[in-house]
Amino acid sequence: MNYKNGRDVLPPSLLKELQKYVSGELVYVPKGNEQRARWGEVSGTRKLLAERNKEICRLHADGATISELEGRYHLTGESIRKILFKTRRQPMVGGGIHAHSK
């Protein structure tokens, strides 16, 4: 995050309008939504977790118990259940076995 003087980057009319509300204070102006990546998209973490969650659902559909999945993925039973519930509600892309079977 960079700090810039309003006089250097804003048109005088906008600067004057802003001064009515926040004269002499620091103001954060966030990037527009179109410029902001969602959590984990840049690092690839979002994709890795989605793949892990699909695998958890597949293993559960193939008969793995919640307890077995807890040990394998080092997650609580509640976390496994949330993953199963959330992933079941998402539409499958490209076909495949859906986790509704268990």
PDB file of N, CA and C in Angstrom:
ATOM      1  N   MET A   1       0.854  -1.165   0.000  1.00  0.00           N
ATOM      2  CA  MET A   1       0.000   0.000   0.000  1.00  0.00           C
ATOM      3  C   MET A   1       0.897   1.223   0.000  1.00  0.00           C
ATOM      4  N   ASN A   2       0.604   2.136  -0.886  1.00  0.00           N
ATOM      5  CA  ASN A   2       1.368   3.378  -0.989  1.00  0.00           C
ATOM      6  C   ASN A   2       0.523   4.556  -0.535  1.00  0.00           C
ATOM      7  N   TYR A   3       1.193   5.524   0.069  1.00  0.00           N
ATOM      8  CA  TYR A   3       0.523   6.766   0.447  1.00  0.00           C
ATOM      9  C   TYR A   3       0.863   7.824  -0.584  1.00  0.00           C
ATOM     10  N   LYS A   4      -0.151   8.540  -1.038  1.00  0.00           N
ATOM     11  CA  LYS A   4       0.059   9.598  -2.020  1.00  0.00           C
ATOM     12  C   LYS A   4      -0.682  10.835  -1.557  1.00  0.00           C
ATOM     13  N   ASN A   5      -0.142  11.970  -1.888  1.00  0.00           N
ATOM     14  CA  ASN A   5      -0.798  13.232  -1.568  1.00  0.00           C
ATOM     15  C   ASN A   5      -1.972  13.420  -2.523  1.00  0.00           C
ATOM     16  N   GLY A   6      -3.133  13.732  -1.959  1.00  0.00           N
ATOM     17  CA  GLY A   6      -4.324  13.933  -2.774  1.00  0.00           C
ATOM     18  C   GLY A   6      -4.141  14.985  -3.845  1.00  0.00           C
ATOM     19  N   ARG A   7      -3.341  16.025  -3.549  1.00  0.00           N
ATOM     20  CA  ARG A   7      -3.092  17.081  -4.543  1.00  0.00           C
ATOM     21  C   ARG A   7      -2.398  16.533  -5.785  1.00  0.00           C
ATOM     22  N   ASP A   8      -1.629  15.445  -5.597  1.00  0.00           N
ATOM     23  CA  ASP A   8      -0.865  14.888  -6.713  1.00  0.00           C
ATOM     24  C   ASP A   8      -1.683  13.936  -7.585  1.00  0.00           C
ATOM     25  N   VAL A   9      -2.779  13.406  -7.060  1.00  0.00           N
ATOM     26  CA  VAL A   9      -3.487  12.366  -7.810  1.00  0.00           C
ATOM     27  C   VAL A   9      -4.969  12.650  -8.075  1.00  0.00           C
ATOM     28  N   LEU A  10      -5.540  13.632  -7.417  1.00  0.00           N
ATOM     29  CA  LEU A  10      -6.974  13.899  -7.580  1.00  0.00           C
ATOM     30  C   LEU A  10      -7.224  15.227  -8.275  1.00  0.00           C
ATOM     31  N   PRO A  11      -8.301  15.305  -9.040  1.00  0.00           N
ATOM     32  CA  PRO A  11      -8.674  16.594  -9.619  1.00  0.00           C
ATOM     33  C   PRO A  11      -9.065  17.545  -8.482  1.00  0.00           C
ATOM     34  N   PRO A  12      -8.775  18.833  -8.637  1.00  0.00           N
ATOM     35  CA  PRO A  12      -9.056  19.803  -7.568  1.00  0.00           C
ATOM     36  C   PRO A  12     -10.492  19.763  -7.051  1.00  0.00           C
ATOM     37  N   SER A  13     -11.457  19.562  -7.932  1.00  0.00           N
ATOM     38  CA  SER A  13     -12.858  19.543  -7.487  1.00  0.00           C
ATOM     39  C   SER A  13     -13.138  18.346  -6.564  1.00  0.00           C
ATOM     40  N   LEU A  14     -12.558  17.195  -6.873  1.00  0.00           N
ATOM     41  CA  LEU A  14     -12.746  16.016  -6.032  1.00  0.00           C
ATOM     42  C   LEU A  14     -12.012  16.181  -4.705  1.00  0.00           C
ATOM     43  N   LEU A  15     -10.808  16.732  -4.757  1.00  0.00           N
ATOM     44  CA  LEU A  15     -10.045  16.985  -3.535  1.00  0.00           C
ATOM     45  C   LEU A  15     -10.832  17.906  -2.600  1.00  0.00           C
ATOM     46  N   LYS A  16     -11.408  18.953  -3.153  1.00  0.00           N
ATOM     47  CA  LYS A  16     -12.181  19.902  -2.348  1.00  0.00           C
ATOM     48  C   LYS A  16     -13.392  19.210  -1.714  1.00  0.00           C
ATOM     49  N   GLU A  17     -14.049  18.337  -2.473  1.00  0.00           N
ATOM     50  CA  GLU A  17     -15.208  17.601  -1.952  1.00  0.00           C
ATOM     51  C   GLU A  17     -14.784  16.654  -0.825  1.00  0.00           C
ATOM     52  N   LEU A  18     -13.680  15.944  -1.001  1.00  0.00           N
ATOM     53  CA  LEU A  18     -13.181  15.034   0.038  1.00  0.00           C
ATOM     54  C   LEU A  18     -12.811  15.781   1.311  1.00  0.00           C
ATOM     55  N   GLN A  19     -12.262  16.969   1.168  1.00  0.00           N
ATOM     56  CA  GLN A  19     -11.850  17.755   2.330  1.00  0.00           C
ATOM     57  C   GLN A  19     -13.038  18.126   3.217  1.00  0.00           C
ATOM     58  N   LYS A  20     -14.223  18.125   2.670  1.00  0.00           N
ATOM     59  CA  LYS A  20     -15.419  18.388   3.477  1.00  0.00           C
ATOM     60  C   LYS A  20     -15.647  17.271   4.500  1.00  0.00           C
ATOM     61  N   TYR A  21     -15.189  16.063   4.168  1.00  0.00           N
ATOM     62  CA  TYR A  21     -15.451  14.894   5.006  1.00  0.00           C
ATOM     63  C   TYR A  21     -14.241  14.457   5.825  1.00  0.00           C
ATOM     64  N   VAL A  22     -13.048  14.517   5.252  1.00  0.00           N
ATOM     65  CA  VAL A  22     -11.852  13.996   5.924  1.00  0.00           C
ATOM     66  C   VAL A  22     -10.644  14.887   5.659  1.00  0.00           C
ATOM     67  N   SER A  23     -10.654  16.060   6.161  1.00  0.00           N
ATOM     68  CA  SER A  23      -9.550  16.986   5.948  1.00  0.00           C
ATOM     69  C   SER A  23      -8.385  16.641   6.870  1.00  0.00           C
ATOM     70  N   GLY A  24      -7.211  16.394   6.295  1.00  0.00           N
ATOM     71  CA  GLY A  24      -6.000  16.131   7.072  1.00  0.00           C
ATOM     72  C   GLY A  24      -5.894  14.727   7.638  1.00  0.00           C
ATOM     73  N   GLU A  25      -6.799  13.822   7.309  1.00  0.00           N
ATOM     74  CA  GLU A  25      -6.756  12.448   7.814  1.00  0.00           C
ATOM     75  C   GLU A  25      -6.319  11.497   6.710  1.00  0.00           C
ATOM     76  N   LEU A  26      -5.860  10.314   7.124  1.00  0.00           N
ATOM     77  CA  LEU A  26      -5.509   9.280   6.156  1.00  0.00           C
ATOM     78  C   LEU A  26      -6.774   8.554   5.720  1.00  0.00           C
ATOM     79  N   VAL A  27      -6.895   8.308   4.434  1.00  0.00           N
ATOM     80  CA  VAL A  27      -8.049   7.602   3.886  1.00  0.00           C
ATOM     81  C   VAL A  27      -7.538   6.473   3.008  1.00  0.00           C
ATOM     82  N   TYR A  28      -8.069   5.278   3.226  1.00  0.00           N
ATOM     83  CA  TYR A  28      -7.713   4.132   2.393  1.00  0.00           C
ATOM     84  C   TYR A  28      -8.722   4.020   1.260  1.00  0.00           C
ATOM     85  N   VAL A  29      -8.234   3.932   0.032  1.00  0.00           N
ATOM     86  CA  VAL A  29      -9.097   3.757  -1.132  1.00  0.00           C
ATOM     87  C   VAL A  29      -8.794   2.375  -1.701  1.00  0.00           C
ATOM     88  N   PRO A  30      -9.695   1.398  -1.512  1.00  0.00           N
ATOM     89  CA  PRO A  30      -9.426   0.035  -1.986  1.00  0.00           C
ATOM     90  C   PRO A  30      -9.463  -0.053  -3.504  1.00  0.00           C
ATOM     91  N   LYS A  31      -8.786  -1.067  -4.007  1.00  0.00           N
ATOM     92  CA  LYS A  31      -8.838  -1.344  -5.438  1.00  0.00           C
ATOM     93  C   LYS A  31     -10.262  -1.731  -5.801  1.00  0.00           C
ATOM     94  N   GLY A  32     -10.610  -1.538  -7.054  1.00  0.00           N
ATOM     95  CA  GLY A  32     -11.924  -1.964  -7.520  1.00  0.00           C
ATOM     96  C   GLY A  32     -12.040  -3.480  -7.461  1.00  0.00           C
ATOM     97  N   ASN A  33     -13.246  -4.000  -7.350  1.00  0.00           N
ATOM     98  CA  ASN A  33     -13.464  -5.445  -7.245  1.00  0.00           C
ATOM     99  C   ASN A  33     -12.890  -6.218  -8.416  1.00  0.00           C
ATOM    100  N   GLU A  34     -12.913  -5.633  -9.596  1.00  0.00           N
ATOM    101  CA  GLU A  34     -12.413  -6.349 -10.770  1.00  0.00           C
ATOM    102  C   GLU A  34     -10.906  -6.574 -10.713  1.00  0.00           C
ATOM    103  N   GLN A  35     -10.199  -5.842  -9.863  1.00  0.00           N
ATOM    104  CA  GLN A  35      -8.750  -5.974  -9.771  1.00  0.00           C
ATOM    105  C   GLN A  35      -8.320  -6.909  -8.644  1.00  0.00           C
ATOM    106  N   ARG A  36      -9.253  -7.336  -7.829  1.00  0.00           N
ATOM    107  CA  ARG A  36      -8.910  -8.089  -6.634  1.00  0.00           C
ATOM    108  C   ARG A  36      -9.149  -9.583  -6.841  1.00  0.00           C
ATOM    109  N   ALA A  37      -8.115 -10.375  -6.590  1.00  0.00           N
ATOM    110  CA  ALA A  37      -8.249 -11.824  -6.685  1.00  0.00           C
ATOM    111  C   ALA A  37      -8.913 -12.348  -5.417  1.00  0.00           C
ATOM    112  N   ARG A  38      -9.659 -13.425  -5.541  1.00  0.00           N
ATOM    113  CA  ARG A  38     -10.268 -14.045  -4.370  1.00  0.00           C
ATOM    114  C   ARG A  38      -9.194 -14.739  -3.540  1.00  0.00           C
ATOM    115  N   TRP A  39      -9.520 -15.012  -2.271  1.00  0.00           N
ATOM    116  CA  TRP A  39      -8.574 -15.638  -1.371  1.00  0.00           C
ATOM    117  C   TRP A  39      -8.048 -16.928  -1.991  1.00  0.00           C
ATOM    118  N   GLY A  40      -6.722 -17.090  -1.969  1.00  0.00           N
ATOM    119  CA  GLY A  40      -6.086 -18.319  -2.401  1.00  0.00           C
ATOM    120  C   GLY A  40      -5.924 -18.502  -3.894  1.00  0.00           C
ATOM    121  N   GLU A  41      -6.431 -17.588  -4.702  1.00  0.00           N
ATOM    122  CA  GLU A  41      -6.316 -17.749  -6.152  1.00  0.00           C
ATOM    123  C   GLU A  41      -4.902 -17.503  -6.642  1.00  0.00           C
ATOM    124  N   VAL A  42      -4.244 -16.518  -6.104  1.00  0.00           N
ATOM    125  CA  VAL A  42      -2.891 -16.187  -6.559  1.00  0.00           C
ATOM    126  C   VAL A  42      -1.911 -17.279  -6.142  1.00  0.00           C
ATOM    127  N   SER A  43      -2.021 -17.757  -4.909  1.00  0.00           N
ATOM    128  CA  SER A  43      -1.089 -18.760  -4.384  1.00  0.00           C
ATOM    129  C   SER A  43      -1.413 -20.169  -4.859  1.00  0.00           C
ATOM    130  N   GLY A  44      -2.629 -20.392  -5.332  1.00  0.00           N
ATOM    131  CA  GLY A  44      -3.044 -21.732  -5.743  1.00  0.00           C
ATOM    132  C   GLY A  44      -3.688 -22.534  -4.620  1.00  0.00           C
ATOM    133  N   THR A  45      -3.755 -21.959  -3.426  1.00  0.00           N
ATOM    134  CA  THR A  45      -4.316 -22.664  -2.275  1.00  0.00           C
ATOM    135  C   THR A  45      -5.786 -22.995  -2.482  1.00  0.00           C
ATOM    136  N   ARG A  46      -6.534 -22.091  -3.083  1.00  0.00           N
ATOM    137  CA  ARG A  46      -7.962 -22.328  -3.327  1.00  0.00           C
ATOM    138  C   ARG A  46      -8.148 -23.584  -4.173  1.00  0.00           C
ATOM    139  N   LYS A  47      -7.355 -23.734  -5.222  1.00  0.00           N
ATOM    140  CA  LYS A  47      -7.468 -24.891  -6.111  1.00  0.00           C
ATOM    141  C   LYS A  47      -7.061 -26.174  -5.388  1.00  0.00           C
ATOM    142  N   LEU A  48      -5.980 -26.111  -4.600  1.00  0.00           N
ATOM    143  CA  LEU A  48      -5.528 -27.290  -3.861  1.00  0.00           C
ATOM    144  C   LEU A  48      -6.585 -27.767  -2.869  1.00  0.00           C
ATOM    145  N   LEU A  49      -7.206 -26.831  -2.153  1.00  0.00           N
ATOM    146  CA  LEU A  49      -8.240 -27.213  -1.193  1.00  0.00           C
ATOM    147  C   LEU A  49      -9.472 -27.779  -1.898  1.00  0.00           C
ATOM    148  N   ALA A  50      -9.824 -27.228  -3.041  1.00  0.00           N
ATOM    149  CA  ALA A  50     -10.966 -27.748  -3.798  1.00  0.00           C
ATOM    150  C   ALA A  50     -10.692 -29.182  -4.250  1.00  0.00           C
ATOM    151  N   GLU A  51      -9.465 -29.445  -4.701  1.00  0.00           N
ATOM    152  CA  GLU A  51      -9.097 -30.801  -5.118  1.00  0.00           C
ATOM    153  C   GLU A  51      -9.118 -31.753  -3.928  1.00  0.00           C
ATOM    154  N   ARG A  52      -8.589 -31.298  -2.779  1.00  0.00           N
ATOM    155  CA  ARG A  52      -8.602 -32.123  -1.569  1.00  0.00           C
ATOM    156  C   ARG A  52     -10.036 -32.444  -1.169  1.00  0.00           C
ATOM    157  N   ASN A  53     -10.900 -31.441  -1.204  1.00  0.00           N
ATOM    158  CA  ASN A  53     -12.287 -31.645  -0.794  1.00  0.00           C
ATOM    159  C   ASN A  53     -13.019 -32.610  -1.720  1.00  0.00           C
ATOM    160  N   LYS A  54     -12.745 -32.542  -3.009  1.00  0.00           N
ATOM    161  CA  LYS A  54     -13.339 -33.496  -3.954  1.00  0.00           C
ATOM    162  C   LYS A  54     -12.860 -34.911  -3.654  1.00  0.00           C
ATOM    163  N   GLU A  55     -11.574 -35.032  -3.312  1.00  0.00           N
ATOM    164  CA  GLU A  55     -11.027 -36.348  -2.979  1.00  0.00           C
ATOM    165  C   GLU A  55     -11.680 -36.896  -1.709  1.00  0.00           C
ATOM    166  N   ILE A  56     -11.887 -36.028  -0.715  1.00  0.00           N
ATOM    167  CA  ILE A  56     -12.564 -36.448   0.516  1.00  0.00           C
ATOM    168  C   ILE A  56     -13.957 -36.973   0.181  1.00  0.00           C
ATOM    169  N   CYS A  57     -14.683 -36.278  -0.670  1.00  0.00           N
ATOM    170  CA  CYS A  57     -16.028 -36.711  -1.063  1.00  0.00           C
ATOM    171  C   CYS A  57     -15.989 -38.025  -1.827  1.00  0.00           C
ATOM    172  N   ARG A  58     -15.023 -38.167  -2.707  1.00  0.00           N
ATOM    173  CA  ARG A  58     -14.904 -39.403  -3.481  1.00  0.00           C
ATOM    174  C   ARG A  58     -14.618 -40.585  -2.559  1.00  0.00           C
ATOM    175  N   LEU A  59     -13.662 -40.398  -1.631  1.00  0.00           N
ATOM    176  CA  LEU A  59     -13.326 -41.475  -0.699  1.00  0.00           C
ATOM    177  C   LEU A  59     -14.522 -41.832   0.183  1.00  0.00           C
ATOM    178  N   HIS A  60     -15.252 -40.828   0.628  1.00  0.00           N
ATOM    179  CA  HIS A  60     -16.438 -41.083   1.455  1.00  0.00           C
ATOM    180  C   HIS A  60     -17.493 -41.838   0.650  1.00  0.00           C
ATOM    181  N   ALA A  61     -17.689 -41.437  -0.600  1.00  0.00           N
ATOM    182  CA  ALA A  61     -18.645 -42.125  -1.468  1.00  0.00           C
ATOM    183  C   ALA A  61     -18.220 -43.569  -1.720  1.00  0.00           C
ATOM    184  N   ASP A  62     -16.909 -43.813  -1.698  1.00  0.00           N
ATOM    185  CA  ASP A  62     -16.385 -45.169  -1.901  1.00  0.00           C
ATOM    186  C   ASP A  62     -16.369 -45.986  -0.615  1.00  0.00           C
ATOM    187  N   GLY A  63     -16.852 -45.393   0.498  1.00  0.00           N
ATOM    188  CA  GLY A  63     -16.982 -46.166   1.729  1.00  0.00           C
ATOM    189  C   GLY A  63     -16.114 -45.751   2.895  1.00  0.00           C
ATOM    190  N   ALA A  64     -15.237 -44.788   2.722  1.00  0.00           N
ATOM    191  CA  ALA A  64     -14.401 -44.341   3.842  1.00  0.00           C
ATOM    192  C   ALA A  64     -15.289 -43.686   4.897  1.00  0.00           C
ATOM    193  N   THR A  65     -14.997 -43.972   6.164  1.00  0.00           N
ATOM    194  CA  THR A  65     -15.778 -43.384   7.249  1.00  0.00           C
ATOM    195  C   THR A  65     -15.247 -41.993   7.581  1.00  0.00           C
ATOM    196  N   ILE A  66     -16.069 -41.237   8.305  1.00  0.00           N
ATOM    197  CA  ILE A  66     -15.648 -39.904   8.763  1.00  0.00           C
ATOM    198  C   ILE A  66     -14.380 -40.045   9.600  1.00  0.00           C
ATOM    199  N   SER A  67     -14.358 -41.044  10.466  1.00  0.00           N
ATOM    200  CA  SER A  67     -13.204 -41.266  11.342  1.00  0.00           C
ATOM    201  C   SER A  67     -11.931 -41.535  10.534  1.00  0.00           C
ATOM    202  N   GLU A  68     -12.041 -42.345   9.497  1.00  0.00           N
ATOM    203  CA  GLU A  68     -10.875 -42.625   8.642  1.00  0.00           C
ATOM    204  C   GLU A  68     -10.395 -41.353   7.940  1.00  0.00           C
ATOM    205  N   LEU A  69     -11.334 -40.557   7.477  1.00  0.00           N
ATOM    206  CA  LEU A  69     -10.974 -39.314   6.792  1.00  0.00           C
ATOM    207  C   LEU A  69     -10.353 -38.313   7.757  1.00  0.00           C
ATOM    208  N   GLU A  70     -10.828 -38.293   9.011  1.00  0.00           N
ATOM    209  CA  GLU A  70     -10.225 -37.428  10.032  1.00  0.00           C
ATOM    210  C   GLU A  70      -8.738 -37.734  10.165  1.00  0.00           C
ATOM    211  N   GLY A  71      -8.415 -39.007  10.297  1.00  0.00           N
ATOM    212  CA  GLY A  71      -7.022 -39.411  10.460  1.00  0.00           C
ATOM    213  C   GLY A  71      -6.180 -39.139   9.230  1.00  0.00           C
ATOM    214  N   ARG A  72      -6.736 -39.413   8.088  1.00  0.00           N
ATOM    215  CA  ARG A  72      -5.973 -39.239   6.846  1.00  0.00           C
ATOM    216  C   ARG A  72      -5.665 -37.773   6.555  1.00  0.00           C
ATOM    217  N   TYR A  73      -6.632 -36.895   6.807  1.00  0.00           N
ATOM    218  CA  TYR A  73      -6.468 -35.481   6.448  1.00  0.00           C
ATOM    219  C   TYR A  73      -6.199 -34.571   7.644  1.00  0.00           C
ATOM    220  N   HIS A  74      -6.130 -35.158   8.839  1.00  0.00           N
ATOM    221  CA  HIS A  74      -5.858 -34.381  10.058  1.00  0.00           C
ATOM    222  C   HIS A  74      -6.872 -33.252  10.232  1.00  0.00           C
ATOM    223  N   LEU A  75      -8.141 -33.597  10.017  1.00  0.00           N
ATOM    224  CA  LEU A  75      -9.245 -32.655  10.184  1.00  0.00           C
ATOM    225  C   LEU A  75     -10.220 -33.223  11.209  1.00  0.00           C
ATOM    226  N   THR A  76     -11.016 -32.361  11.811  1.00  0.00           N
ATOM    227  CA  THR A  76     -12.043 -32.828  12.739  1.00  0.00           C
ATOM    228  C   THR A  76     -13.206 -33.431  11.961  1.00  0.00           C
ATOM    229  N   GLY A  77     -13.985 -34.236  12.657  1.00  0.00           N
ATOM    230  CA  GLY A  77     -15.174 -34.808  12.031  1.00  0.00           C
ATOM    231  C   GLY A  77     -16.125 -33.732  11.549  1.00  0.00           C
ATOM    232  N   GLU A  78     -16.237 -32.666  12.326  1.00  0.00           N
ATOM    233  CA  GLU A  78     -17.105 -31.547  11.934  1.00  0.00           C
ATOM    234  C   GLU A  78     -16.612 -30.911  10.632  1.00  0.00           C
ATOM    235  N   SER A  79     -15.296 -30.758  10.491  1.00  0.00           N
ATOM    236  CA  SER A  79     -14.741 -30.188   9.250  1.00  0.00           C
ATOM    237  C   SER A  79     -15.020 -31.104   8.066  1.00  0.00           C
ATOM    238  N   ILE A  80     -14.864 -32.413   8.264  1.00  0.00           N
ATOM    239  CA  ILE A  80     -15.146 -33.374   7.193  1.00  0.00           C
ATOM    240  C   ILE A  80     -16.617 -33.278   6.789  1.00  0.00           C
ATOM    241  N   ARG A  81     -17.510 -33.226   7.777  1.00  0.00           N
ATOM    242  CA  ARG A  81     -18.945 -33.125   7.476  1.00  0.00           C
ATOM    243  C   ARG A  81     -19.266 -31.845   6.699  1.00  0.00           C
ATOM    244  N   LYS A  82     -18.652 -30.736   7.083  1.00  0.00           N
ATOM    245  CA  LYS A  82     -18.875 -29.471   6.365  1.00  0.00           C
ATOM    246  C   LYS A  82     -18.413 -29.583   4.918  1.00  0.00           C
ATOM    247  N   ILE A  83     -17.253 -30.207   4.721  1.00  0.00           N
ATOM    248  CA  ILE A  83     -16.732 -30.391   3.357  1.00  0.00           C
ATOM    249  C   ILE A  83     -17.700 -31.244   2.549  1.00  0.00           C
ATOM    250  N   LEU A  84     -18.167 -32.346   3.136  1.00  0.00           N
ATOM    251  CA  LEU A  84     -19.098 -33.228   2.429  1.00  0.00           C
ATOM    252  C   LEU A  84     -20.390 -32.492   2.082  1.00  0.00           C
ATOM    253  N   PHE A  85     -20.933 -31.741   3.028  1.00  0.00           N
ATOM    254  CA  PHE A  85     -22.176 -31.013   2.796  1.00  0.00           C
ATOM    255  C   PHE A  85     -21.996 -29.941   1.726  1.00  0.00           C
ATOM    256  N   LYS A  86     -20.931 -29.150   1.857  1.00  0.00           N
ATOM    257  CA  LYS A  86     -20.707 -28.047   0.922  1.00  0.00           C
ATOM    258  C   LYS A  86     -20.420 -28.564  -0.487  1.00  0.00           C
ATOM    259  N   THR A  87     -19.602 -29.593  -0.594  1.00  0.00           N
ATOM    260  CA  THR A  87     -19.216 -30.107  -1.905  1.00  0.00           C
ATOM    261  C   THR A  87     -20.400 -30.788  -2.587  1.00  0.00           C
ATOM    262  N   ARG A  88     -21.262 -31.423  -1.811  1.00  0.00           N
ATOM    263  CA  ARG A  88     -22.460 -32.050  -2.389  1.00  0.00           C
ATOM    264  C   ARG A  88     -23.385 -31.021  -3.016  1.00  0.00           C
ATOM    265  N   ARG A  89     -23.425 -29.827  -2.438  1.00  0.00           N
ATOM    266  CA  ARG A  89     -24.333 -28.778  -2.913  1.00  0.00           C
ATOM    267  C   ARG A  89     -23.826 -28.106  -4.180  1.00  0.00           C
ATOM    268  N   GLN A  90     -22.527 -28.255  -4.486  1.00  0.00           N
ATOM    269  CA  GLN A  90     -21.964 -27.616  -5.675  1.00  0.00           C
ATOM    270  C   GLN A  90     -22.200 -28.512  -6.884  1.00  0.00           C
ATOM    271  N   PRO A  91     -22.565 -27.931  -8.021  1.00  0.00           N
ATOM    272  CA  PRO A  91     -22.770 -28.748  -9.219  1.00  0.00           C
ATOM    273  C   PRO A  91     -21.458 -29.364  -9.688  1.00  0.00           C
ATOM    274  N   MET A  92     -21.554 -30.595 -10.145  1.00  0.00           N
ATOM    275  CA  MET A  92     -20.372 -31.275 -10.671  1.00  0.00           C
ATOM    276  C   MET A  92     -20.080 -30.737 -12.068  1.00  0.00           C
ATOM    277  N   VAL A  93     -18.816 -30.488 -12.340  1.00  0.00           N
ATOM    278  CA  VAL A  93     -18.402 -29.998 -13.646  1.00  0.00           C
ATOM    279  C   VAL A  93     -17.721 -31.139 -14.375  1.00  0.00           C
ATOM    280  N   GLY A  94     -18.129 -31.421 -15.586  1.00  0.00           N
ATOM    281  CA  GLY A  94     -17.476 -32.458 -16.373  1.00  0.00           C
ATOM    282  C   GLY A  94     -17.911 -33.864 -16.013  1.00  0.00           C
ATOM    283  N   GLY A  95     -19.058 -34.012 -15.355  1.00  0.00           N
ATOM    284  CA  GLY A  95     -19.538 -35.346 -15.018  1.00  0.00           C
ATOM    285  C   GLY A  95     -18.840 -35.906 -13.802  1.00  0.00           C
ATOM    286  N   GLY A  96     -18.873 -37.212 -13.668  1.00  0.00           N
ATOM    287  CA  GLY A  96     -18.222 -37.851 -12.528  1.00  0.00           C
ATOM    288  C   GLY A  96     -19.237 -38.296 -11.502  1.00  0.00           C
ATOM    289  N   ILE A  97     -18.751 -39.017 -10.500  1.00  0.00           N
ATOM    290  CA  ILE A  97     -19.611 -39.521  -9.442  1.00  0.00           C
ATOM    291  C   ILE A  97     -19.860 -38.403  -8.454  1.00  0.00           C
ATOM    292  N   HIS A  98     -21.107 -38.156  -8.148  1.00  0.00           N
ATOM    293  CA  HIS A  98     -21.461 -37.116  -7.184  1.00  0.00           C
ATOM    294  C   HIS A  98     -21.500 -37.742  -5.801  1.00  0.00           C
ATOM    295  N   ALA A  99     -21.170 -36.993  -4.796  1.00  0.00           N
ATOM    296  CA  ALA A  99     -21.038 -37.511  -3.435  1.00  0.00           C
ATOM    297  C   ALA A  99     -22.375 -37.792  -2.756  1.00  0.00           C
ATOM    298  N   HIS A 100     -23.504 -37.721  -3.460  1.00  0.00           N
ATOM    299  CA  HIS A 100     -24.798 -37.958  -2.823  1.00  0.00           C
ATOM    300  C   HIS A 100     -24.979 -39.403  -2.376  1.00  0.00           C
ATOM    301  N   SER A 101     -24.177 -40.321  -2.877  1.00  0.00           N
ATOM    302  CA  SER A 101     -24.422 -41.727  -2.610  1.00  0.00           C
ATOM    303  C   SER A 101     -24.220 -42.116  -1.162  1.00  0.00           C
ATOM    304  N   LYS A 102     -23.534 -41.323  -0.358  1.00  0.00           N
ATOM    305  CA  LYS A 102     -23.328 -41.652   1.064  1.00  0.00           C
ATOM    306  C   LYS A 102     -23.682 -40.481   1.912  1.00  0.00           C
TER     307      LYS A 102
END
